[in-house]
Protein backbone atom coordinates (compact mmCIF):
# COMPACT_ATOMS: atom_id res chain seq x y z
CA MET A 1 47.61 -1.13 -21.70
CA THR A 2 48.19 -1.54 -25.27
CA ASP A 3 48.35 0.59 -28.90
CA SER A 4 48.88 -0.22 -31.78
CA CYS A 5 52.91 1.08 -32.16
CA PHE A 6 53.39 0.47 -28.23
CA ASP A 7 53.02 -1.18 -25.35
CA VAL A 8 52.98 0.19 -21.95
CA GLN A 9 53.86 -1.26 -17.96
CA ILE A 10 52.94 0.35 -15.22
CA ALA A 11 54.80 -1.50 -11.76
CA ASN A 12 56.77 -0.49 -8.91
CA ASP A 13 56.34 3.58 -9.92
CA ILE A 14 58.10 2.86 -13.26
CA ALA A 15 56.15 3.42 -16.51
CA HIS A 16 57.75 1.00 -19.19
CA ILE A 17 57.31 2.12 -23.02
CA ILE A 18 57.75 -0.39 -25.51
CA LEU A 19 58.12 0.29 -29.41
CA ASN A 20 56.21 -3.31 -30.21
CA ARG A 21 56.57 -3.42 -33.90
CA PRO A 22 59.95 -5.56 -34.48
CA GLU A 23 58.48 -6.67 -37.76
CA LYS A 24 58.36 -3.28 -39.04
CA ARG A 25 61.53 -2.28 -37.54
CA ASN A 26 59.64 -0.19 -35.06
CA SER A 27 59.25 2.30 -38.19
CA MET A 28 57.49 5.34 -36.91
CA ILE A 29 53.53 5.14 -38.79
CA PRO A 30 51.01 7.86 -38.43
CA ALA A 31 49.49 6.12 -35.15
CA PHE A 32 53.08 6.86 -33.94
CA TRP A 33 53.12 10.13 -33.89
CA ASN A 34 49.71 10.20 -31.99
CA GLU A 35 49.73 7.81 -29.30
CA LEU A 36 53.37 8.49 -27.80
CA PRO A 37 52.50 11.52 -26.42
CA GLU A 38 48.88 10.68 -25.24
CA ILE A 39 50.54 7.64 -23.42
CA VAL A 40 53.37 10.61 -21.95
CA HIS A 41 50.53 13.17 -21.04
CA ASP A 42 48.42 10.25 -19.78
CA ILE A 43 51.58 9.03 -17.25
CA ASP A 44 52.25 12.53 -16.61
CA GLU A 45 49.57 14.19 -15.66
CA ASN A 46 47.57 11.38 -13.66
CA ALA A 47 50.72 10.82 -11.86
CA LYS A 48 50.96 7.34 -12.79
CA ALA A 49 54.82 7.12 -12.43
CA ARG A 50 57.80 8.27 -10.92
CA VAL A 51 60.05 7.62 -13.93
CA ILE A 52 59.87 6.59 -17.54
CA VAL A 53 62.06 3.93 -19.87
CA ILE A 54 61.07 3.91 -23.30
CA SER A 55 62.87 0.11 -24.89
CA SER A 56 62.30 -1.51 -27.94
CA THR A 57 62.14 -4.71 -29.71
CA GLY A 58 63.62 -6.95 -32.23
CA PRO A 59 66.85 -5.90 -33.73
CA HIS A 60 66.75 -2.84 -34.37
CA PHE A 61 65.21 0.49 -31.75
CA THR A 62 63.93 1.68 -34.80
CA SER A 63 64.40 2.28 -38.00
CA GLY A 64 62.38 6.07 -38.30
CA LEU A 65 59.97 7.89 -40.06
CA ASP A 66 58.14 5.09 -42.30
CA VAL A 67 57.52 7.41 -45.24
CA SER A 68 55.84 5.18 -47.28
CA SER A 69 53.18 5.40 -44.49
CA PHE A 70 52.59 9.05 -45.60
CA ALA A 71 51.99 8.52 -49.11
CA LYS A 72 48.65 11.06 -50.19
CA ALA A 73 46.09 9.42 -52.93
CA GLU A 74 46.71 11.01 -56.28
CA ILE A 75 44.09 14.20 -56.61
CA THR A 76 42.93 14.55 -60.09
CA ASP A 77 40.16 17.38 -59.51
CA PRO A 78 42.08 20.61 -60.76
CA ALA A 79 40.55 22.91 -58.28
CA ALA A 80 41.27 20.47 -55.32
CA LYS A 81 44.75 19.91 -56.85
CA ARG A 82 45.88 23.39 -57.03
CA ALA A 83 44.09 24.03 -53.58
CA ALA A 84 46.77 21.27 -52.48
CA ARG A 85 49.13 22.73 -54.38
CA LEU A 86 49.13 26.00 -52.67
CA ARG A 87 48.57 25.17 -49.29
CA ALA A 88 51.71 22.53 -49.28
CA GLY A 89 53.65 24.46 -47.23
CA ALA A 90 51.42 25.74 -44.22
CA ASP A 91 50.11 21.50 -44.19
CA PHE A 92 53.99 20.33 -44.02
CA TYR A 93 55.06 22.85 -41.46
CA GLY A 94 51.17 22.02 -39.38
CA THR A 95 52.40 17.78 -39.13
CA VAL A 96 56.36 18.61 -38.75
CA LYS A 97 55.28 20.90 -35.73
CA ASN A 98 53.15 18.04 -34.72
CA MET A 99 55.26 15.50 -35.03
CA GLN A 100 57.92 17.77 -33.04
CA GLN A 101 55.49 17.72 -29.77
CA ALA A 102 55.35 13.90 -29.91
CA PHE A 103 58.88 13.83 -29.00
CA THR A 104 58.77 17.30 -27.05
CA ALA A 105 56.19 15.80 -24.74
CA LEU A 106 59.12 13.59 -23.27
CA GLU A 107 61.16 16.91 -21.99
CA GLU A 108 58.54 18.50 -20.80
CA CYS A 109 56.93 16.13 -18.42
CA ARG A 110 57.51 16.20 -15.25
CA VAL A 111 59.48 12.79 -14.59
CA PRO A 112 63.07 11.70 -15.68
CA VAL A 113 62.65 9.64 -19.38
CA LEU A 114 65.41 7.34 -19.85
CA ALA A 115 66.09 6.14 -23.72
CA ALA A 116 67.00 2.12 -24.03
CA ILE A 117 69.01 1.51 -27.98
CA GLN A 118 69.58 -1.52 -29.19
CA GLY A 119 70.59 -1.86 -32.86
CA GLY A 120 70.14 0.74 -35.03
CA CYS A 121 68.29 4.36 -33.74
CA ILE A 122 67.54 5.90 -37.16
CA GLY A 123 66.56 9.07 -38.29
CA GLY A 124 63.34 9.83 -36.36
CA GLY A 125 64.86 7.78 -33.61
CA VAL A 126 67.44 10.74 -32.73
CA ASP A 127 64.77 12.98 -32.55
CA LEU A 128 63.42 10.85 -30.06
CA ILE A 129 66.33 9.62 -27.82
CA THR A 130 68.02 13.45 -27.97
CA ALA A 131 64.63 14.45 -26.27
CA CYS A 132 64.77 12.02 -23.17
CA ASP A 133 66.65 12.17 -19.89
CA MET A 134 69.40 9.63 -20.55
CA ARG A 135 70.54 7.57 -22.92
CA TYR A 136 71.81 4.04 -22.40
CA ALA A 137 72.91 1.16 -25.57
CA THR A 138 73.54 -2.14 -25.77
CA LYS A 139 77.49 -2.63 -27.74
CA ASP A 140 75.85 -3.48 -31.55
CA ALA A 141 73.81 -0.11 -31.20
CA PHE A 142 74.21 2.84 -33.79
CA ILE A 143 72.71 6.03 -33.71
CA THR A 144 72.91 7.57 -37.30
CA ILE A 145 71.36 10.73 -38.71
CA PHE A 146 69.66 9.65 -42.12
CA GLU A 147 67.53 11.83 -42.93
CA THR A 148 70.89 13.38 -45.25
CA ASN A 149 71.47 10.36 -46.91
CA ILE A 150 67.77 10.57 -48.21
CA GLY A 151 68.38 14.37 -49.31
CA MET A 152 66.06 15.28 -46.47
CA THR A 153 67.24 17.76 -43.34
CA ALA A 154 66.35 16.47 -40.23
CA ASP A 155 63.19 18.51 -39.00
CA VAL A 156 61.69 16.80 -35.81
CA GLY A 157 64.12 18.00 -33.08
CA THR A 158 67.44 16.33 -34.04
CA PHE A 159 69.87 19.43 -34.00
CA PRO A 160 67.82 22.04 -31.82
CA ARG A 161 68.65 18.83 -29.25
CA ILE A 162 72.37 17.16 -30.28
CA SER A 163 73.56 20.17 -30.62
CA LYS A 164 73.76 20.35 -27.07
CA LEU A 165 74.29 16.86 -26.06
CA ILE A 166 77.86 16.65 -27.81
CA ALA A 167 80.25 19.16 -28.76
CA ASP A 168 79.32 20.84 -31.76
CA GLY A 169 81.61 19.68 -34.33
CA VAL A 170 81.15 16.07 -33.43
CA ALA A 171 77.32 16.72 -33.85
CA ARG A 172 78.12 18.69 -37.54
CA GLU A 173 79.88 15.52 -38.19
CA LEU A 174 77.19 13.21 -37.55
CA ALA A 175 74.17 15.66 -39.56
CA TYR A 176 76.86 16.40 -42.95
CA THR A 177 78.00 13.18 -43.40
CA GLY A 178 74.87 10.85 -42.12
CA ARG A 179 77.21 8.24 -41.19
CA ARG A 180 76.91 5.39 -38.77
CA MET A 181 77.91 6.63 -34.71
CA PRO A 182 78.52 3.25 -32.65
CA ALA A 183 77.41 2.52 -29.30
CA ASP A 184 80.62 3.14 -28.35
CA GLU A 185 82.31 6.18 -29.62
CA ALA A 186 78.47 7.39 -28.66
CA LYS A 187 79.44 6.59 -24.96
CA ASP A 188 82.62 8.49 -25.65
CA VAL A 189 81.23 11.85 -26.67
CA GLY A 190 78.57 11.82 -23.98
CA LEU A 191 75.07 11.06 -25.75
CA VAL A 192 74.97 7.64 -23.97
CA ASN A 193 75.40 7.04 -20.37
CA ARG A 194 76.58 3.52 -20.68
CA VAL A 195 77.19 0.65 -22.92
CA PHE A 196 75.79 -2.97 -22.24
CA ASP A 197 76.46 -6.45 -23.48
CA ASP A 198 73.29 -7.09 -24.69
CA HIS A 199 69.69 -6.12 -24.52
CA ALA A 200 68.40 -8.26 -21.24
CA ALA A 201 71.80 -6.82 -19.38
CA MET A 202 70.85 -3.23 -20.33
CA MET A 203 67.50 -3.61 -19.40
CA LYS A 204 68.41 -5.14 -15.93
CA GLY A 205 71.26 -2.10 -15.58
CA VAL A 206 68.26 1.03 -16.41
CA MET A 207 65.33 -0.87 -14.72
CA GLU A 208 68.05 -0.61 -11.89
CA VAL A 209 68.70 3.46 -12.52
CA ALA A 210 65.09 4.02 -12.56
CA SER A 211 64.42 1.97 -9.61
CA GLU A 212 66.94 4.17 -7.80
CA ILE A 213 65.52 7.09 -9.32
CA THR A 214 62.20 6.34 -7.59
CA ARG A 215 63.21 6.24 -4.81
CA LYS A 216 64.19 9.81 -4.60
CA ALA A 217 61.33 12.52 -3.56
CA PRO A 218 59.60 13.18 -6.90
CA LEU A 219 58.93 16.48 -6.10
CA ALA A 220 62.75 16.98 -5.89
CA VAL A 221 63.51 15.06 -9.23
CA MET A 222 60.80 17.21 -10.86
CA GLY A 223 62.67 20.64 -9.90
CA CYS A 224 65.70 18.78 -11.24
CA LYS A 225 64.59 18.28 -14.57
CA ARG A 226 62.83 21.89 -14.59
CA LEU A 227 66.19 23.41 -13.91
CA MET A 228 68.13 21.72 -15.36
CA ASN A 229 65.88 22.20 -18.77
CA TYR A 230 65.98 25.44 -17.71
CA SER A 231 69.49 26.14 -17.66
CA ARG A 232 70.73 24.23 -20.79
CA ASP A 233 68.77 26.92 -22.70
CA HIS A 234 69.39 29.95 -20.92
CA SER A 235 72.42 32.37 -19.13
CA VAL A 236 74.03 31.18 -16.11
CA GLN A 237 72.52 34.31 -14.66
CA ASP A 238 68.99 33.39 -15.66
CA GLY A 239 69.46 29.61 -14.26
CA LEU A 240 70.74 31.21 -11.04
CA ASP A 241 67.81 33.32 -10.21
CA TYR A 242 65.43 30.73 -11.70
CA ILE A 243 66.24 28.05 -8.61
CA ALA A 244 66.30 30.68 -6.09
CA ILE A 245 63.10 31.75 -6.94
CA TRP A 246 62.30 28.23 -7.55
CA ASN A 247 62.74 26.95 -4.18
CA ALA A 248 61.91 30.07 -2.79
CA SER A 249 58.17 28.43 -3.55
CA MET A 250 58.31 25.14 -4.16
CA LEU A 251 61.06 23.99 -1.42
CA GLN A 252 59.78 21.43 0.98
CA ARG A 253 60.84 21.34 4.62
CA GLU A 254 59.35 17.88 5.59
CA GLU A 255 60.51 16.56 2.14
CA ILE A 256 63.97 17.24 2.85
CA PHE A 257 64.23 15.79 6.40
CA GLU A 258 62.28 12.66 6.04
CA ALA A 259 65.09 12.35 3.00
CA MET A 260 67.79 12.58 5.83
CA LYS A 261 66.00 10.48 8.63
CA SER A 262 65.53 7.61 5.95
CA ASN A 263 68.84 7.86 4.58
CA ALA A 264 70.16 7.73 8.36
CA GLU A 265 67.83 4.90 9.22
CA LYS A 266 68.42 3.10 5.68
CA ARG A 267 65.07 2.70 4.62
CA PRO A 268 62.88 3.74 1.79
CA GLY A 269 61.52 7.26 2.26
CA GLU A 270 58.02 7.88 2.73
CA PHE A 271 57.34 10.63 0.20
CA VAL A 272 54.59 12.82 -1.16
CA ASP A 273 53.84 11.86 -4.91
CA LEU A 274 53.24 14.30 -7.71
CA PRO A 275 50.17 15.63 -7.64
CA PRO A 276 48.01 14.87 -11.21
CA ILE A 277 47.86 17.93 -13.61
CA LYS A 278 44.14 19.43 -13.19
CA LYS A 279 42.65 19.99 -17.16
CA HIS A 280 39.55 21.65 -15.62
CA ILE A 281 38.89 23.57 -12.92
CA GLY A 282 35.92 22.56 -10.27
C-alpha cells in the first residue's frame, strides 16, 4: 500500500507506517491529515495487525505542519470576501477538529502504536507522538513545541496529552519556551522509553518490542490499551469499576489457559485475533 505521504508494510502481524517525504522533512501537507486516519482505520477495522509502528525517513522524523501548503487563494469578489471573513472562525475550528481526529485515530485504535523518532520531531510531530502508546528515539533526536516560536499556540493535541505523560512543570517549560528537548532528557522525564545509537538500532529494537506484543493475546492487549486510556482520563475509583465491568464481559478463560499452557510448553500461543469492526449491519 502506498500513499503520497506514507508507505505501509504489513508483515508478521505488525503494520509499519513510514513517513516517506524525506526531501521535504516529512512535513504535514493536507494529504497527510486525510491519509493517516484512513490507514489507521483500515488496519484497525479490518484487523490487519496486532501492533502498529510509525517511523520516518531522512534526517528528521517530521518538521511538522507545512503552513505554506494551507495558503488560500485571494478572494476578490466583495460578497465572497465578506462571507469568508465572517465564517473564518468556524472554518478554522472545523479544520483543526479534523486534524485532531487524525491523531486521535492512533489513540482510539484497538492495537498499540509505537513511534520511532529520529532527528527533529517538531511542532505537529509532538502532537503525533503523544497520541501513540510508546515512543523510542535515536540519540540525535529532539522534540520541540515549535508553535510557540512562531507566535502560535499548539492546537492539534500536544497540550491535552503531554501533560499526562511528563511532569506539568516540564511540559509548561517546553510550551512556554519552544526549546528543544534532546532524546536523553526526553528519556529522563519519561517521554520516550528508550534511546538508541542510530536509526538502524532503533528500528531493530522497536520491532523487537512490537514482535513481543504480537505474541500476547490480542484481546488482552486491547483491554490493556482501553483500560489504560480510560484510567488516564478518569478517577481511580472510576477506573477500578470500569476494569471490573470490562472483565465481567470480556475475560476469556480459554485465552488465559492457552497463555499459561504455551508459556509452560515454551511455544507461541494460539490466540484468536481481534474481530473486524462491522461498519454495516447485515
